[in-house]
mmCIF file of all heavy atoms, coordinates in Angstrom:
data_MODEL
# 
_entry.id   MODEL 
# 
loop_
_atom_site.group_PDB 
_atom_site.id 
_atom_site.type_symbol 
_atom_site.label_atom_id 
_atom_site.label_alt_id 
_atom_site.label_comp_id 
_atom_site.label_asym_id 
_atom_site.label_entity_id 
_atom_site.label_seq_id 
_atom_site.pdbx_PDB_ins_code 
_atom_site.Cartn_x 
_atom_site.Cartn_y 
_atom_site.Cartn_z 
_atom_site.occupancy 
_atom_site.B_iso_or_equiv 
_atom_site.pdbx_formal_charge 
_atom_site.auth_seq_id 
_atom_site.auth_comp_id 
_atom_site.auth_asym_id 
_atom_site.auth_atom_id 
_atom_site.pdbx_PDB_model_num 
ATOM 1   N N   . ILE A 1 1  ? -7.017  -2.824  -1.148  1.00 0.00 ? 1  ILE A N   1 
ATOM 2   C CA  . ILE A 1 1  ? -6.116  -2.586  0.016   1.00 0.00 ? 1  ILE A CA  1 
ATOM 3   C C   . ILE A 1 1  ? -5.264  -1.437  -0.158  1.00 0.00 ? 1  ILE A C   1 
ATOM 4   O O   . ILE A 1 1  ? -4.901  -0.690  0.832   1.00 0.00 ? 1  ILE A O   1 
ATOM 5   C CB  . ILE A 1 1  ? -5.348  -3.902  0.421   1.00 0.00 ? 1  ILE A CB  1 
ATOM 6   C CG1 . ILE A 1 1  ? -4.755  -3.664  1.795   1.00 0.00 ? 1  ILE A CG1 1 
ATOM 7   C CG2 . ILE A 1 1  ? -4.290  -4.196  -0.613  1.00 0.00 ? 1  ILE A CG2 1 
ATOM 8   C CD1 . ILE A 1 1  ? -4.104  -4.970  2.371   1.00 0.00 ? 1  ILE A CD1 1 
ATOM 9   N N   . LEU A 1 2  ? -4.821  -1.163  -1.389  1.00 0.00 ? 2  LEU A N   1 
ATOM 10  C CA  . LEU A 1 2  ? -4.020  -0.005  -1.709  1.00 0.00 ? 2  LEU A CA  1 
ATOM 11  C C   . LEU A 1 2  ? -4.721  1.336   -1.561  1.00 0.00 ? 2  LEU A C   1 
ATOM 12  O O   . LEU A 1 2  ? -4.182  2.246   -0.845  1.00 0.00 ? 2  LEU A O   1 
ATOM 13  C CB  . LEU A 1 2  ? -3.396  -0.040  -3.075  1.00 0.00 ? 2  LEU A CB  1 
ATOM 14  C CG  . LEU A 1 2  ? -2.587  -1.368  -3.460  1.00 0.00 ? 2  LEU A CG  1 
ATOM 15  C CD1 . LEU A 1 2  ? -2.143  -1.293  -4.818  1.00 0.00 ? 2  LEU A CD1 1 
ATOM 16  C CD2 . LEU A 1 2  ? -1.439  -1.513  -2.506  1.00 0.00 ? 2  LEU A CD2 1 
ATOM 17  N N   . SER A 1 3  ? -5.763  1.413   -2.058  1.00 0.00 ? 3  SER A N   1 
ATOM 18  C CA  . SER A 1 3  ? -6.608  2.683   -1.900  1.00 0.00 ? 3  SER A CA  1 
ATOM 19  C C   . SER A 1 3  ? -7.012  2.880   -0.492  1.00 0.00 ? 3  SER A C   1 
ATOM 20  O O   . SER A 1 3  ? -7.084  4.032   0.062   1.00 0.00 ? 3  SER A O   1 
ATOM 21  C CB  . SER A 1 3  ? -7.945  2.663   -2.727  1.00 0.00 ? 3  SER A CB  1 
ATOM 22  O OG  . SER A 1 3  ? -8.739  1.479   -2.519  1.00 0.00 ? 3  SER A OG  1 
ATOM 23  N N   . GLY A 1 4  ? -7.321  1.781   0.261   1.00 0.00 ? 4  GLY A N   1 
ATOM 24  C CA  . GLY A 1 4  ? -7.613  1.806   1.643   1.00 0.00 ? 4  GLY A CA  1 
ATOM 25  C C   . GLY A 1 4  ? -6.453  2.406   2.448   1.00 0.00 ? 4  GLY A C   1 
ATOM 26  O O   . GLY A 1 4  ? -6.707  3.204   3.391   1.00 0.00 ? 4  GLY A O   1 
ATOM 27  N N   . ALA A 1 5  ? -5.201  2.012   2.187   1.00 0.00 ? 5  ALA A N   1 
ATOM 28  C CA  . ALA A 1 5  ? -4.095  2.559   2.884   1.00 0.00 ? 5  ALA A CA  1 
ATOM 29  C C   . ALA A 1 5  ? -3.933  4.016   2.633   1.00 0.00 ? 5  ALA A C   1 
ATOM 30  O O   . ALA A 1 5  ? -3.541  4.820   3.503   1.00 0.00 ? 5  ALA A O   1 
ATOM 31  C CB  . ALA A 1 5  ? -2.823  1.804   2.449   1.00 0.00 ? 5  ALA A CB  1 
ATOM 32  N N   . ILE A 1 6  ? -4.183  4.468   1.380   1.00 0.00 ? 6  ILE A N   1 
ATOM 33  C CA  . ILE A 1 6  ? -4.072  5.806   1.060   1.00 0.00 ? 6  ILE A CA  1 
ATOM 34  C C   . ILE A 1 6  ? -5.159  6.723   1.755   1.00 0.00 ? 6  ILE A C   1 
ATOM 35  O O   . ILE A 1 6  ? -4.955  7.828   2.300   1.00 0.00 ? 6  ILE A O   1 
ATOM 36  C CB  . ILE A 1 6  ? -4.122  6.076   -0.497  1.00 0.00 ? 6  ILE A CB  1 
ATOM 37  C CG1 . ILE A 1 6  ? -2.813  5.485   -1.138  1.00 0.00 ? 6  ILE A CG1 1 
ATOM 38  C CG2 . ILE A 1 6  ? -4.193  7.563   -0.865  1.00 0.00 ? 6  ILE A CG2 1 
ATOM 39  C CD1 . ILE A 1 6  ? -2.836  5.414   -2.588  1.00 0.00 ? 6  ILE A CD1 1 
ATOM 40  N N   . GLU A 1 7  ? -6.377  6.154   1.618   1.00 0.00 ? 7  GLU A N   1 
ATOM 41  C CA  . GLU A 1 7  ? -7.532  6.955   2.264   1.00 0.00 ? 7  GLU A CA  1 
ATOM 42  C C   . GLU A 1 7  ? -7.485  7.039   3.735   1.00 0.00 ? 7  GLU A C   1 
ATOM 43  O O   . GLU A 1 7  ? -7.881  8.077   4.336   1.00 0.00 ? 7  GLU A O   1 
ATOM 44  C CB  . GLU A 1 7  ? -8.883  6.203   1.789   1.00 0.00 ? 7  GLU A CB  1 
ATOM 45  C CG  . GLU A 1 7  ? -9.197  6.385   0.416   1.00 0.00 ? 7  GLU A CG  1 
ATOM 46  C CD  . GLU A 1 7  ? -10.287 5.456   -0.023  1.00 0.00 ? 7  GLU A CD  1 
ATOM 47  O OE1 . GLU A 1 7  ? -10.895 4.808   0.834   1.00 0.00 ? 7  GLU A OE1 1 
ATOM 48  O OE2 . GLU A 1 7  ? -10.593 5.383   -1.291  1.00 0.00 ? 7  GLU A OE2 1 
ATOM 49  N N   . SER A 1 8  ? -6.813  5.977   4.379   1.00 0.00 ? 8  SER A N   1 
ATOM 50  C CA  . SER A 1 8  ? -6.783  6.003   5.861   1.00 0.00 ? 8  SER A CA  1 
ATOM 51  C C   . SER A 1 8  ? -5.513  6.869   6.329   1.00 0.00 ? 8  SER A C   1 
ATOM 52  O O   . SER A 1 8  ? -5.331  7.073   7.622   1.00 0.00 ? 8  SER A O   1 
ATOM 53  C CB  . SER A 1 8  ? -6.675  4.622   6.358   1.00 0.00 ? 8  SER A CB  1 
ATOM 54  O OG  . SER A 1 8  ? -5.417  4.002   5.989   1.00 0.00 ? 8  SER A OG  1 
ATOM 55  N N   . GLY A 1 9  ? -4.739  7.169   5.452   1.00 0.00 ? 9  GLY A N   1 
ATOM 56  C CA  . GLY A 1 9  ? -3.455  7.998   5.799   1.00 0.00 ? 9  GLY A CA  1 
ATOM 57  C C   . GLY A 1 9  ? -2.379  7.120   6.208   1.00 0.00 ? 9  GLY A C   1 
ATOM 58  O O   . GLY A 1 9  ? -1.349  7.521   6.609   1.00 0.00 ? 9  GLY A O   1 
ATOM 59  N N   . GLN A 1 10 ? -2.562  5.750   6.039   1.00 0.00 ? 10 GLN A N   1 
ATOM 60  C CA  . GLN A 1 10 ? -1.465  4.833   6.345   1.00 0.00 ? 10 GLN A CA  1 
ATOM 61  C C   . GLN A 1 10 ? -0.269  5.034   5.399   1.00 0.00 ? 10 GLN A C   1 
ATOM 62  O O   . GLN A 1 10 ? 0.865   4.687   5.783   1.00 0.00 ? 10 GLN A O   1 
ATOM 63  C CB  . GLN A 1 10 ? -2.027  3.393   6.293   1.00 0.00 ? 10 GLN A CB  1 
ATOM 64  C CG  . GLN A 1 10 ? -1.077  2.370   6.837   1.00 0.00 ? 10 GLN A CG  1 
ATOM 65  C CD  . GLN A 1 10 ? -1.721  1.012   6.921   1.00 0.00 ? 10 GLN A CD  1 
ATOM 66  O OE1 . GLN A 1 10 ? -2.930  0.850   6.651   1.00 0.00 ? 10 GLN A OE1 1 
ATOM 67  N NE2 . GLN A 1 10 ? -0.938  -0.011  7.309   1.00 0.00 ? 10 GLN A NE2 1 
ATOM 68  N N   . PHE A 1 11 ? -0.612  5.408   4.155   1.00 0.00 ? 11 PHE A N   1 
ATOM 69  C CA  . PHE A 1 11 ? 0.440   5.688   3.180   1.00 0.00 ? 11 PHE A CA  1 
ATOM 70  C C   . PHE A 1 11 ? 0.148   7.051   2.587   1.00 0.00 ? 11 PHE A C   1 
ATOM 71  O O   . PHE A 1 11 ? -1.011  7.359   2.050   1.00 0.00 ? 11 PHE A O   1 
ATOM 72  C CB  . PHE A 1 11 ? 0.444   4.647   2.106   1.00 0.00 ? 11 PHE A CB  1 
ATOM 73  C CG  . PHE A 1 11 ? 1.475   4.846   0.990   1.00 0.00 ? 11 PHE A CG  1 
ATOM 74  C CD1 . PHE A 1 11 ? 2.753   4.526   1.202   1.00 0.00 ? 11 PHE A CD1 1 
ATOM 75  C CD2 . PHE A 1 11 ? 1.048   5.570   -0.187  1.00 0.00 ? 11 PHE A CD2 1 
ATOM 76  C CE1 . PHE A 1 11 ? 3.720   4.881   0.148   1.00 0.00 ? 11 PHE A CE1 1 
ATOM 77  C CE2 . PHE A 1 11 ? 1.960   5.818   -1.183  1.00 0.00 ? 11 PHE A CE2 1 
ATOM 78  C CZ  . PHE A 1 11 ? 3.239   5.447   -0.985  1.00 0.00 ? 11 PHE A CZ  1 
ATOM 79  N N   . GLU A 1 12 ? 1.166   8.022   2.623   1.00 0.00 ? 12 GLU A N   1 
ATOM 80  C CA  . GLU A 1 12 ? 0.937   9.396   2.171   1.00 0.00 ? 12 GLU A CA  1 
ATOM 81  C C   . GLU A 1 12 ? 1.786   9.725   0.905   1.00 0.00 ? 12 GLU A C   1 
ATOM 82  O O   . GLU A 1 12 ? 1.634   10.803  0.437   1.00 0.00 ? 12 GLU A O   1 
ATOM 83  C CB  . GLU A 1 12 ? 1.246   10.319  3.372   1.00 0.00 ? 12 GLU A CB  1 
ATOM 84  C CG  . GLU A 1 12 ? 0.334   10.158  4.553   1.00 0.00 ? 12 GLU A CG  1 
ATOM 85  C CD  . GLU A 1 12 ? 0.766   11.071  5.659   1.00 0.00 ? 12 GLU A CD  1 
ATOM 86  O OE1 . GLU A 1 12 ? 1.771   11.809  5.537   1.00 0.00 ? 12 GLU A OE1 1 
ATOM 87  O OE2 . GLU A 1 12 ? 0.082   11.097  6.638   1.00 0.00 ? 12 GLU A OE2 1 
ATOM 88  N N   . GLY A 1 13 ? 2.672   8.794   0.564   1.00 0.00 ? 13 GLY A N   1 
ATOM 89  C CA  . GLY A 1 13 ? 3.564   9.180   -0.615  1.00 0.00 ? 13 GLY A CA  1 
ATOM 90  C C   . GLY A 1 13 ? 4.684   9.956   -0.321  1.00 0.00 ? 13 GLY A C   1 
ATOM 91  O O   . GLY A 1 13 ? 5.332   10.523  -1.239  1.00 0.00 ? 13 GLY A O   1 
ATOM 92  N N   . LYS A 1 14 ? 5.141   10.063  0.938   1.00 0.00 ? 14 LYS A N   1 
ATOM 93  C CA  . LYS A 1 14 ? 6.341   10.908  1.266   1.00 0.00 ? 14 LYS A CA  1 
ATOM 94  C C   . LYS A 1 14 ? 7.546   10.129  0.688   1.00 0.00 ? 14 LYS A C   1 
ATOM 95  O O   . LYS A 1 14 ? 7.607   8.942   0.458   1.00 0.00 ? 14 LYS A O   1 
ATOM 96  C CB  . LYS A 1 14 ? 6.515   10.914  2.818   1.00 0.00 ? 14 LYS A CB  1 
ATOM 97  C CG  . LYS A 1 14 ? 5.402   11.710  3.467   1.00 0.00 ? 14 LYS A CG  1 
ATOM 98  C CD  . LYS A 1 14 ? 5.638   11.595  5.075   1.00 0.00 ? 14 LYS A CD  1 
ATOM 99  C CE  . LYS A 1 14 ? 4.506   12.229  5.741   1.00 0.00 ? 14 LYS A CE  1 
ATOM 100 N NZ  . LYS A 1 14 ? 4.658   12.192  7.219   1.00 0.00 ? 14 LYS A NZ  1 
ATOM 101 N N   . GLU A 1 15 ? 8.551   10.991  0.333   1.00 0.00 ? 15 GLU A N   1 
ATOM 102 C CA  . GLU A 1 15 ? 9.723   10.430  -0.253  1.00 0.00 ? 15 GLU A CA  1 
ATOM 103 C C   . GLU A 1 15 ? 10.377  9.246   0.560   1.00 0.00 ? 15 GLU A C   1 
ATOM 104 O O   . GLU A 1 15 ? 10.657  9.413   1.795   1.00 0.00 ? 15 GLU A O   1 
ATOM 105 C CB  . GLU A 1 15 ? 10.854  11.494  -0.443  1.00 0.00 ? 15 GLU A CB  1 
ATOM 106 C CG  . GLU A 1 15 ? 12.036  11.004  -1.153  1.00 0.00 ? 15 GLU A CG  1 
ATOM 107 C CD  . GLU A 1 15 ? 13.127  12.124  -1.392  1.00 0.00 ? 15 GLU A CD  1 
ATOM 108 O OE1 . GLU A 1 15 ? 13.637  12.613  -0.466  1.00 0.00 ? 15 GLU A OE1 1 
ATOM 109 O OE2 . GLU A 1 15 ? 13.378  12.361  -2.518  1.00 0.00 ? 15 GLU A OE2 1 
ATOM 110 N N   . GLY A 1 16 ? 10.443  8.136   -0.012  1.00 0.00 ? 16 GLY A N   1 
ATOM 111 C CA  . GLY A 1 16 ? 11.035  6.950   0.622   1.00 0.00 ? 16 GLY A CA  1 
ATOM 112 C C   . GLY A 1 16 ? 10.045  6.071   1.318   1.00 0.00 ? 16 GLY A C   1 
ATOM 113 O O   . GLY A 1 16 ? 10.424  5.057   1.874   1.00 0.00 ? 16 GLY A O   1 
ATOM 114 N N   . GLU A 1 17 ? 8.849   6.556   1.525   1.00 0.00 ? 17 GLU A N   1 
ATOM 115 C CA  . GLU A 1 17 ? 7.800   5.878   2.343   1.00 0.00 ? 17 GLU A CA  1 
ATOM 116 C C   . GLU A 1 17 ? 7.367   4.557   1.536   1.00 0.00 ? 17 GLU A C   1 
ATOM 117 O O   . GLU A 1 17 ? 7.227   4.607   0.256   1.00 0.00 ? 17 GLU A O   1 
ATOM 118 C CB  . GLU A 1 17 ? 6.660   6.693   2.556   1.00 0.00 ? 17 GLU A CB  1 
ATOM 119 C CG  . GLU A 1 17 ? 5.497   6.080   3.423   1.00 0.00 ? 17 GLU A CG  1 
ATOM 120 C CD  . GLU A 1 17 ? 4.304   7.051   3.598   1.00 0.00 ? 17 GLU A CD  1 
ATOM 121 O OE1 . GLU A 1 17 ? 4.277   8.050   2.920   1.00 0.00 ? 17 GLU A OE1 1 
ATOM 122 O OE2 . GLU A 1 17 ? 3.478   6.576   4.456   1.00 0.00 ? 17 GLU A OE2 1 
ATOM 123 N N   . ARG A 1 18 ? 7.256   3.408   2.269   1.00 0.00 ? 18 ARG A N   1 
ATOM 124 C CA  . ARG A 1 18 ? 6.902   2.194   1.613   1.00 0.00 ? 18 ARG A CA  1 
ATOM 125 C C   . ARG A 1 18 ? 5.591   1.655   2.303   1.00 0.00 ? 18 ARG A C   1 
ATOM 126 O O   . ARG A 1 18 ? 5.454   1.697   3.452   1.00 0.00 ? 18 ARG A O   1 
ATOM 127 C CB  . ARG A 1 18 ? 8.012   1.173   1.695   1.00 0.00 ? 18 ARG A CB  1 
ATOM 128 C CG  . ARG A 1 18 ? 9.079   1.274   0.621   1.00 0.00 ? 18 ARG A CG  1 
ATOM 129 C CD  . ARG A 1 18 ? 10.132  2.128   1.001   1.00 0.00 ? 18 ARG A CD  1 
ATOM 130 N NE  . ARG A 1 18 ? 11.248  1.460   1.932   1.00 0.00 ? 18 ARG A NE  1 
ATOM 131 C CZ  . ARG A 1 18 ? 12.201  2.158   2.488   1.00 0.00 ? 18 ARG A CZ  1 
ATOM 132 N NH1 . ARG A 1 18 ? 12.280  3.494   2.360   1.00 0.00 ? 18 ARG A NH1 1 
ATOM 133 N NH2 . ARG A 1 18 ? 13.085  1.483   3.251   1.00 0.00 ? 18 ARG A NH2 1 
ATOM 134 N N   . PHE A 1 19 ? 4.826   1.050   1.425   1.00 0.00 ? 19 PHE A N   1 
ATOM 135 C CA  . PHE A 1 19 ? 3.641   0.234   1.956   1.00 0.00 ? 19 PHE A CA  1 
ATOM 136 C C   . PHE A 1 19 ? 3.619   -1.036  1.077   1.00 0.00 ? 19 PHE A C   1 
ATOM 137 O O   . PHE A 1 19 ? 3.523   -1.106  -0.118  1.00 0.00 ? 19 PHE A O   1 
ATOM 138 C CB  . PHE A 1 19 ? 2.302   0.989   1.582   1.00 0.00 ? 19 PHE A CB  1 
ATOM 139 C CG  . PHE A 1 19 ? 1.137   0.214   2.121   1.00 0.00 ? 19 PHE A CG  1 
ATOM 140 C CD1 . PHE A 1 19 ? 0.758   0.232   3.458   1.00 0.00 ? 19 PHE A CD1 1 
ATOM 141 C CD2 . PHE A 1 19 ? 0.216   -0.430  1.188   1.00 0.00 ? 19 PHE A CD2 1 
ATOM 142 C CE1 . PHE A 1 19 ? -0.372  -0.569  3.923   1.00 0.00 ? 19 PHE A CE1 1 
ATOM 143 C CE2 . PHE A 1 19 ? -0.815  -1.161  1.655   1.00 0.00 ? 19 PHE A CE2 1 
ATOM 144 C CZ  . PHE A 1 19 ? -1.067  -1.256  2.972   1.00 0.00 ? 19 PHE A CZ  1 
ATOM 145 N N   . THR A 1 20 ? 3.858   -2.224  1.810   1.00 0.00 ? 20 THR A N   1 
ATOM 146 C CA  . THR A 1 20 ? 4.069   -3.494  1.128   1.00 0.00 ? 20 THR A CA  1 
ATOM 147 C C   . THR A 1 20 ? 2.832   -4.443  1.468   1.00 0.00 ? 20 THR A C   1 
ATOM 148 O O   . THR A 1 20 ? 2.402   -4.550  2.602   1.00 0.00 ? 20 THR A O   1 
ATOM 149 C CB  . THR A 1 20 ? 5.322   -4.181  1.698   1.00 0.00 ? 20 THR A CB  1 
ATOM 150 O OG1 . THR A 1 20 ? 6.382   -3.239  1.533   1.00 0.00 ? 20 THR A OG1 1 
ATOM 151 C CG2 . THR A 1 20 ? 5.566   -5.450  1.026   1.00 0.00 ? 20 THR A CG2 1 
ATOM 152 N N   . VAL A 1 21 ? 2.450   -5.092  0.402   1.00 0.00 ? 21 VAL A N   1 
ATOM 153 C CA  . VAL A 1 21 ? 1.330   -6.029  0.427   1.00 0.00 ? 21 VAL A CA  1 
ATOM 154 C C   . VAL A 1 21 ? 1.770   -7.358  -0.128  1.00 0.00 ? 21 VAL A C   1 
ATOM 155 O O   . VAL A 1 21 ? 2.396   -7.428  -1.203  1.00 0.00 ? 21 VAL A O   1 
ATOM 156 C CB  . VAL A 1 21 ? 0.102   -5.525  -0.378  1.00 0.00 ? 21 VAL A CB  1 
ATOM 157 C CG1 . VAL A 1 21 ? -1.114  -6.583  -0.344  1.00 0.00 ? 21 VAL A CG1 1 
ATOM 158 C CG2 . VAL A 1 21 ? -0.308  -4.119  0.113   1.00 0.00 ? 21 VAL A CG2 1 
ATOM 159 N N   . THR A 1 22 ? 1.554   -8.434  0.509   1.00 0.00 ? 22 THR A N   1 
ATOM 160 C CA  . THR A 1 22 ? 1.770   -9.764  0.029   1.00 0.00 ? 22 THR A CA  1 
ATOM 161 C C   . THR A 1 22 ? 0.540   -10.201 -0.875  1.00 0.00 ? 22 THR A C   1 
ATOM 162 O O   . THR A 1 22 ? -0.625  -10.087 -0.334  1.00 0.00 ? 22 THR A O   1 
ATOM 163 C CB  . THR A 1 22 ? 1.944   -10.796 1.105   1.00 0.00 ? 22 THR A CB  1 
ATOM 164 O OG1 . THR A 1 22 ? 3.152   -10.363 1.897   1.00 0.00 ? 22 THR A OG1 1 
ATOM 165 C CG2 . THR A 1 22 ? 2.223   -12.253 0.611   1.00 0.00 ? 22 THR A CG2 1 
ATOM 166 N N   . THR A 1 23 ? 0.747   -10.576 -2.033  1.00 0.00 ? 23 THR A N   1 
ATOM 167 C CA  . THR A 1 23 ? -0.437  -10.724 -2.913  1.00 0.00 ? 23 THR A CA  1 
ATOM 168 C C   . THR A 1 23 ? -1.122  -12.148 -2.877  1.00 0.00 ? 23 THR A C   1 
ATOM 169 O O   . THR A 1 23 ? -2.215  -12.232 -3.336  1.00 0.00 ? 23 THR A O   1 
ATOM 170 C CB  . THR A 1 23 ? 0.049   -10.594 -4.424  1.00 0.00 ? 23 THR A CB  1 
ATOM 171 O OG1 . THR A 1 23 ? 0.945   -11.742 -4.715  1.00 0.00 ? 23 THR A OG1 1 
ATOM 172 C CG2 . THR A 1 23 ? 0.721   -9.320  -4.686  1.00 0.00 ? 23 THR A CG2 1 
ATOM 173 N N   . LEU A 1 24 ? -0.506  -12.995 -2.167  1.00 0.00 ? 24 LEU A N   1 
ATOM 174 C CA  . LEU A 1 24 ? -1.156  -14.347 -1.912  1.00 0.00 ? 24 LEU A CA  1 
ATOM 175 C C   . LEU A 1 24 ? -1.684  -15.015 -3.173  1.00 0.00 ? 24 LEU A C   1 
ATOM 176 O O   . LEU A 1 24 ? -2.788  -15.641 -3.157  1.00 0.00 ? 24 LEU A O   1 
ATOM 177 C CB  . LEU A 1 24 ? -2.325  -14.134 -0.861  1.00 0.00 ? 24 LEU A CB  1 
ATOM 178 C CG  . LEU A 1 24 ? -1.923  -13.709 0.509   1.00 0.00 ? 24 LEU A CG  1 
ATOM 179 C CD1 . LEU A 1 24 ? -3.089  -13.504 1.408   1.00 0.00 ? 24 LEU A CD1 1 
ATOM 180 C CD2 . LEU A 1 24 ? -0.877  -14.694 1.184   1.00 0.00 ? 24 LEU A CD2 1 
ATOM 181 N N   . GLY A 1 25 ? -0.942  -14.786 -4.262  1.00 0.00 ? 25 GLY A N   1 
ATOM 182 C CA  . GLY A 1 25 ? -1.304  -15.469 -5.432  1.00 0.00 ? 25 GLY A CA  1 
ATOM 183 C C   . GLY A 1 25 ? -2.337  -14.687 -6.358  1.00 0.00 ? 25 GLY A C   1 
ATOM 184 O O   . GLY A 1 25 ? -2.647  -15.095 -7.455  1.00 0.00 ? 25 GLY A O   1 
ATOM 185 N N   . LEU A 1 26 ? -2.853  -13.586 -5.866  1.00 0.00 ? 26 LEU A N   1 
ATOM 186 C CA  . LEU A 1 26 ? -3.784  -12.807 -6.639  1.00 0.00 ? 26 LEU A CA  1 
ATOM 187 C C   . LEU A 1 26 ? -3.176  -12.068 -7.770  1.00 0.00 ? 26 LEU A C   1 
ATOM 188 O O   . LEU A 1 26 ? -3.839  -11.722 -8.806  1.00 0.00 ? 26 LEU A O   1 
ATOM 189 C CB  . LEU A 1 26 ? -4.424  -11.771 -5.716  1.00 0.00 ? 26 LEU A CB  1 
ATOM 190 C CG  . LEU A 1 26 ? -5.325  -12.384 -4.522  1.00 0.00 ? 26 LEU A CG  1 
ATOM 191 C CD1 . LEU A 1 26 ? -5.774  -11.217 -3.601  1.00 0.00 ? 26 LEU A CD1 1 
ATOM 192 C CD2 . LEU A 1 26 ? -6.546  -13.134 -5.087  1.00 0.00 ? 26 LEU A CD2 1 
ATOM 193 N N   . LEU A 1 27 ? -1.871  -11.884 -7.722  1.00 0.00 ? 27 LEU A N   1 
ATOM 194 C CA  . LEU A 1 27 ? -1.073  -11.363 -8.814  1.00 0.00 ? 27 LEU A CA  1 
ATOM 195 C C   . LEU A 1 27 ? 0.166   -12.229 -9.024  1.00 0.00 ? 27 LEU A C   1 
ATOM 196 O O   . LEU A 1 27 ? 0.564   -12.912 -8.094  1.00 0.00 ? 27 LEU A O   1 
ATOM 197 C CB  . LEU A 1 27 ? -0.676  -9.957  -8.617  1.00 0.00 ? 27 LEU A CB  1 
ATOM 198 C CG  . LEU A 1 27 ? -1.819  -8.824  -8.518  1.00 0.00 ? 27 LEU A CG  1 
ATOM 199 C CD1 . LEU A 1 27 ? -1.327  -7.621  -7.986  1.00 0.00 ? 27 LEU A CD1 1 
ATOM 200 C CD2 . LEU A 1 27 ? -2.443  -8.640  -9.856  1.00 0.00 ? 27 LEU A CD2 1 
ATOM 201 N N   . LYS A 1 28 ? 0.783   -12.149 -10.216 1.00 0.00 ? 28 LYS A N   1 
ATOM 202 C CA  . LYS A 1 28 ? 1.963   -12.914 -10.423 1.00 0.00 ? 28 LYS A CA  1 
ATOM 203 C C   . LYS A 1 28 ? 3.152   -12.478 -9.560  1.00 0.00 ? 28 LYS A C   1 
ATOM 204 O O   . LYS A 1 28 ? 4.082   -13.281 -9.249  1.00 0.00 ? 28 LYS A O   1 
ATOM 205 C CB  . LYS A 1 28 ? 2.360   -12.902 -11.919 1.00 0.00 ? 28 LYS A CB  1 
ATOM 206 C CG  . LYS A 1 28 ? 1.390   -13.812 -12.720 1.00 0.00 ? 28 LYS A CG  1 
ATOM 207 C CD  . LYS A 1 28 ? 1.869   -13.897 -14.124 1.00 0.00 ? 28 LYS A CD  1 
ATOM 208 C CE  . LYS A 1 28 ? 1.048   -14.798 -15.013 1.00 0.00 ? 28 LYS A CE  1 
ATOM 209 N NZ  . LYS A 1 28 ? 1.455   -14.993 -16.439 1.00 0.00 ? 28 LYS A NZ  1 
# 
């Protein structure tokens, strides 16, 4: 989902930009 957000332009890495994902237990 992270690479998808970057590839689609949903997240560009601009200063202060945030992209948040709820892990649903897939990570601690």
